[in-house]
Amino acid sequence: MKVLFFLILALSIKLLAVTDKNIDIQKLENQKAFISRMNQCMDSDQLGQFIKKALQNTTDQEKKSKYAAILEELIKYNPSCFIASVNKLDNQNCKEIEELYLEEPHFYPREDLKASLKQTKDYSKSCLAS
């Protein structure tokens, strides 16, 4: 009877260990995706295209939310990258980004996003500073 108990206990521990590995793999994949979004400045053309698509997809709330999630994370955790990309836009598109994604954010409070942007040295030279 004791052997059966220990066998079941050992099997349960092994199953829990396998489950934990799956959770860790998923967590690592999520972290990798987050980091890759934050590294979008490595390819400024790609980020510029992303911002243009974000401006084009504002009528569908689901799509806008997906763009807002990435843009707000970028603003929060890599504001200098966001400023550099926005500075490449014309004034009209820059104002649209400000109105659609900064004045009416989806996930972070507006004040948090603006505080992150103001920490960068190039903020005062950007179209967002006006």
C-alpha atoms as a PDB file:
ATOM      1  CA  MET A   1       0.000   0.000   0.000  1.00  0.00           C
ATOM      2  CA  LYS A   2       2.848   2.355   0.870  1.00  0.00           C
ATOM      3  CA  VAL A   3       4.507   1.598  -2.454  1.00  0.00           C
ATOM      4  CA  LEU A   4       1.324   2.500  -4.314  1.00  0.00           C
ATOM      5  CA  PHE A   5       1.048   5.752  -2.360  1.00  0.00           C
ATOM      6  CA  PHE A   6       4.637   6.734  -3.164  1.00  0.00           C
ATOM      7  CA  LEU A   7       4.182   5.759  -6.805  1.00  0.00           C
ATOM      8  CA  ILE A   8       1.111   7.999  -7.101  1.00  0.00           C
ATOM      9  CA  LEU A   9       2.909  10.799  -5.270  1.00  0.00           C
ATOM     10  CA  ALA A  10       5.956  10.532  -7.550  1.00  0.00           C
ATOM     11  CA  LEU A  11       3.761  10.491 -10.654  1.00  0.00           C
ATOM     12  CA  SER A  12       1.840  13.542  -9.440  1.00  0.00           C
ATOM     13  CA  ILE A  13       5.039  15.493  -8.814  1.00  0.00           C
ATOM     14  CA  LYS A  14       6.339  14.566 -12.253  1.00  0.00           C
ATOM     15  CA  LEU A  15       3.099  15.712 -13.881  1.00  0.00           C
ATOM     16  CA  LEU A  16       3.224  18.999 -11.991  1.00  0.00           C
ATOM     17  CA  ALA A  17       6.806  19.541 -13.127  1.00  0.00           C
ATOM     18  CA  VAL A  18       5.780  19.023 -16.763  1.00  0.00           C
ATOM     19  CA  THR A  19       2.906  21.474 -16.351  1.00  0.00           C
ATOM     20  CA  ASP A  20       5.219  24.070 -14.852  1.00  0.00           C
ATOM     21  CA  LYS A  21       7.580  23.742 -17.818  1.00  0.00           C
ATOM     22  CA  ASN A  22       4.705  24.495 -20.190  1.00  0.00           C
ATOM     23  CA  ILE A  23       3.831  27.608 -18.231  1.00  0.00           C
ATOM     24  CA  ASP A  24       7.460  28.716 -18.252  1.00  0.00           C
ATOM     25  CA  ILE A  25       7.710  28.208 -22.008  1.00  0.00           C
ATOM     26  CA  GLN A  26       4.587  30.287 -22.570  1.00  0.00           C
ATOM     27  CA  LYS A  27       5.892  32.970 -20.239  1.00  0.00           C
ATOM     28  CA  LEU A  28       9.202  33.055 -22.098  1.00  0.00           C
ATOM     29  CA  GLU A  29       7.435  33.313 -25.450  1.00  0.00           C
ATOM     30  CA  ASN A  30       5.393  36.236 -24.151  1.00  0.00           C
ATOM     31  CA  GLN A  31       8.532  37.940 -22.865  1.00  0.00           C
ATOM     32  CA  LYS A  32      10.271  37.372 -26.200  1.00  0.00           C
ATOM     33  CA  ALA A  33       7.338  38.925 -28.063  1.00  0.00           C
ATOM     34  CA  PHE A  34       7.373  41.902 -25.704  1.00  0.00           C
ATOM     35  CA  ILE A  35      11.099  42.440 -26.187  1.00  0.00           C
ATOM     36  CA  SER A  36      10.824  42.210 -29.961  1.00  0.00           C
ATOM     37  CA  ARG A  37       8.135  44.905 -29.904  1.00  0.00           C
ATOM     38  CA  MET A  38      10.409  47.115 -27.816  1.00  0.00           C
ATOM     39  CA  ASN A  39      13.281  46.573 -30.267  1.00  0.00           C
ATOM     40  CA  GLN A  40      11.363  47.912 -33.244  1.00  0.00           C
ATOM     41  CA  CYS A  41      13.694  50.907 -33.351  1.00  0.00           C
ATOM     42  CA  MET A  42      16.346  48.672 -34.812  1.00  0.00           C
ATOM     43  CA  ASP A  43      14.407  48.952 -38.080  1.00  0.00           C
ATOM     44  CA  SER A  44      12.999  52.477 -38.235  1.00  0.00           C
ATOM     45  CA  ASP A  45      11.343  51.848 -41.609  1.00  0.00           C
ATOM     46  CA  GLN A  46       9.401  48.927 -40.152  1.00  0.00           C
ATOM     47  CA  LEU A  47       8.251  51.041 -37.222  1.00  0.00           C
ATOM     48  CA  GLY A  48       7.315  53.876 -39.562  1.00  0.00           C
ATOM     49  CA  GLN A  49       5.169  51.471 -41.581  1.00  0.00           C
ATOM     50  CA  PHE A  50       3.596  50.210 -38.377  1.00  0.00           C
ATOM     51  CA  ILE A  51       2.681  53.759 -37.324  1.00  0.00           C
ATOM     52  CA  LYS A  52       1.174  54.464 -40.750  1.00  0.00           C
ATOM     53  CA  LYS A  53      -0.919  51.294 -40.471  1.00  0.00           C
ATOM     54  CA  ALA A  54      -1.992  52.383 -36.992  1.00  0.00           C
ATOM     55  CA  LEU A  55      -3.274  55.632 -38.512  1.00  0.00           C
ATOM     56  CA  GLN A  56      -5.120  53.786 -41.276  1.00  0.00           C
ATOM     57  CA  ASN A  57      -6.870  51.319 -38.960  1.00  0.00           C
ATOM     58  CA  THR A  58      -8.675  53.612 -36.558  1.00  0.00           C
ATOM     59  CA  THR A  59     -12.268  52.876 -37.521  1.00  0.00           C
ATOM     60  CA  ASP A  60     -12.197  49.247 -36.381  1.00  0.00           C
ATOM     61  CA  GLN A  61     -11.938  49.359 -32.576  1.00  0.00           C
ATOM     62  CA  GLU A  62     -10.431  45.880 -32.307  1.00  0.00           C
ATOM     63  CA  LYS A  63      -7.624  46.723 -34.725  1.00  0.00           C
ATOM     64  CA  LYS A  64      -7.105  50.115 -33.114  1.00  0.00           C
ATOM     65  CA  SER A  65      -6.768  48.441 -29.719  1.00  0.00           C
ATOM     66  CA  LYS A  66      -4.094  46.090 -31.046  1.00  0.00           C
ATOM     67  CA  TYR A  67      -2.101  48.993 -32.432  1.00  0.00           C
ATOM     68  CA  ALA A  68      -2.656  50.998 -29.263  1.00  0.00           C
ATOM     69  CA  ALA A  69      -1.330  48.142 -27.128  1.00  0.00           C
ATOM     70  CA  ILE A  70       1.966  48.097 -28.980  1.00  0.00           C
ATOM     71  CA  LEU A  71       2.277  51.872 -29.314  1.00  0.00           C
ATOM     72  CA  GLU A  72       1.536  52.464 -25.647  1.00  0.00           C
ATOM     73  CA  GLU A  73       4.072  49.839 -24.586  1.00  0.00           C
ATOM     74  CA  LEU A  74       6.593  51.469 -26.877  1.00  0.00           C
ATOM     75  CA  ILE A  75       5.856  54.910 -25.453  1.00  0.00           C
ATOM     76  CA  LYS A  76       6.034  53.636 -21.897  1.00  0.00           C
ATOM     77  CA  TYR A  77       9.206  51.551 -22.173  1.00  0.00           C
ATOM     78  CA  ASN A  78      11.082  53.032 -25.145  1.00  0.00           C
ATOM     79  CA  PRO A  79       9.868  56.622 -25.559  1.00  0.00           C
ATOM     80  CA  SER A  80      12.950  57.834 -27.445  1.00  0.00           C
ATOM     81  CA  CYS A  81      12.238  55.242 -30.139  1.00  0.00           C
ATOM     82  CA  PHE A  82       8.663  56.457 -30.452  1.00  0.00           C
ATOM     83  CA  ILE A  83       9.772  60.104 -30.632  1.00  0.00           C
ATOM     84  CA  ALA A  84      12.355  59.294 -33.314  1.00  0.00           C
ATOM     85  CA  SER A  85       9.699  57.576 -35.424  1.00  0.00           C
ATOM     86  CA  VAL A  86       7.082  60.255 -34.943  1.00  0.00           C
ATOM     87  CA  ASN A  87       9.597  62.937 -35.925  1.00  0.00           C
ATOM     88  CA  LYS A  88       9.793  61.308 -39.367  1.00  0.00           C
ATOM     89  CA  LEU A  89       6.069  61.845 -39.915  1.00  0.00           C
ATOM     90  CA  ASP A  90       4.584  64.969 -41.430  1.00  0.00           C
ATOM     91  CA  ASN A  91       2.797  67.346 -39.057  1.00  0.00           C
ATOM     92  CA  GLN A  92      -0.682  66.094 -39.982  1.00  0.00           C
ATOM     93  CA  ASN A  93       0.136  62.444 -39.227  1.00  0.00           C
ATOM     94  CA  CYS A  94       1.952  63.437 -36.056  1.00  0.00           C
ATOM     95  CA  LYS A  95      -1.130  65.305 -34.826  1.00  0.00           C
ATOM     96  CA  GLU A  96      -3.308  62.311 -35.693  1.00  0.00           C
ATOM     97  CA  ILE A  97      -1.094  59.979 -33.658  1.00  0.00           C
ATOM     98  CA  GLU A  98      -1.292  62.401 -30.774  1.00  0.00           C
ATOM     99  CA  GLU A  99      -5.085  62.682 -30.943  1.00  0.00           C
ATOM    100  CA  LEU A 100      -5.834  59.014 -31.565  1.00  0.00           C
ATOM    101  CA  TYR A 101      -3.276  57.283 -29.362  1.00  0.00           C
ATOM    102  CA  LEU A 102      -2.002  59.799 -26.786  1.00  0.00           C
ATOM    103  CA  GLU A 103      -5.031  61.898 -25.971  1.00  0.00           C
ATOM    104  CA  GLU A 104      -7.286  58.828 -25.828  1.00  0.00           C
ATOM    105  CA  PRO A 105      -5.055  55.931 -24.737  1.00  0.00           C
ATOM    106  CA  HIS A 106      -6.499  52.444 -24.318  1.00  0.00           C
ATOM    107  CA  PHE A 107      -4.359  50.853 -21.620  1.00  0.00           C
ATOM    108  CA  TYR A 108      -2.185  53.360 -19.763  1.00  0.00           C
ATOM    109  CA  PRO A 109      -3.255  56.638 -18.196  1.00  0.00           C
ATOM    110  CA  ARG A 110      -2.590  59.611 -20.466  1.00  0.00           C
ATOM    111  CA  GLU A 111      -0.417  61.260 -17.822  1.00  0.00           C
ATOM    112  CA  ASP A 112       1.875  58.211 -17.613  1.00  0.00           C
ATOM    113  CA  LEU A 113       2.428  58.172 -21.363  1.00  0.00           C
ATOM    114  CA  LYS A 114       3.105  61.895 -21.528  1.00  0.00           C
ATOM    115  CA  ALA A 115       5.500  61.678 -18.576  1.00  0.00           C
ATOM    116  CA  SER A 116       7.442  58.923 -20.355  1.00  0.00           C
ATOM    117  CA  LEU A 117       7.687  61.006 -23.511  1.00  0.00           C
ATOM    118  CA  LYS A 118       8.792  64.121 -21.652  1.00  0.00           C
ATOM    119  CA  GLN A 119      11.737  62.217 -20.185  1.00  0.00           C
ATOM    120  CA  THR A 120      13.401  61.967 -23.586  1.00  0.00           C
ATOM    121  CA  LYS A 121      15.808  64.669 -24.690  1.00  0.00           C
ATOM    122  CA  ASP A 122      14.192  64.986 -28.142  1.00  0.00           C
ATOM    123  CA  TYR A 123      10.641  65.489 -26.885  1.00  0.00           C
ATOM    124  CA  SER A 124      10.885  69.290 -26.865  1.00  0.00           C
ATOM    125  CA  LYS A 125      11.881  69.219 -30.569  1.00  0.00           C
ATOM    126  CA  SER A 126       9.074  66.882 -31.599  1.00  0.00           C
ATOM    127  CA  CYS A 127       5.683  67.760 -32.991  1.00  0.00           C
ATOM    128  CA  LEU A 128       4.146  66.271 -29.847  1.00  0.00           C
ATOM    129  CA  ALA A 129       5.604  69.034 -27.651  1.00  0.00           C
ATOM    130  CA  SER A 130       3.363  71.760 -29.044  1.00  0.00           C
END
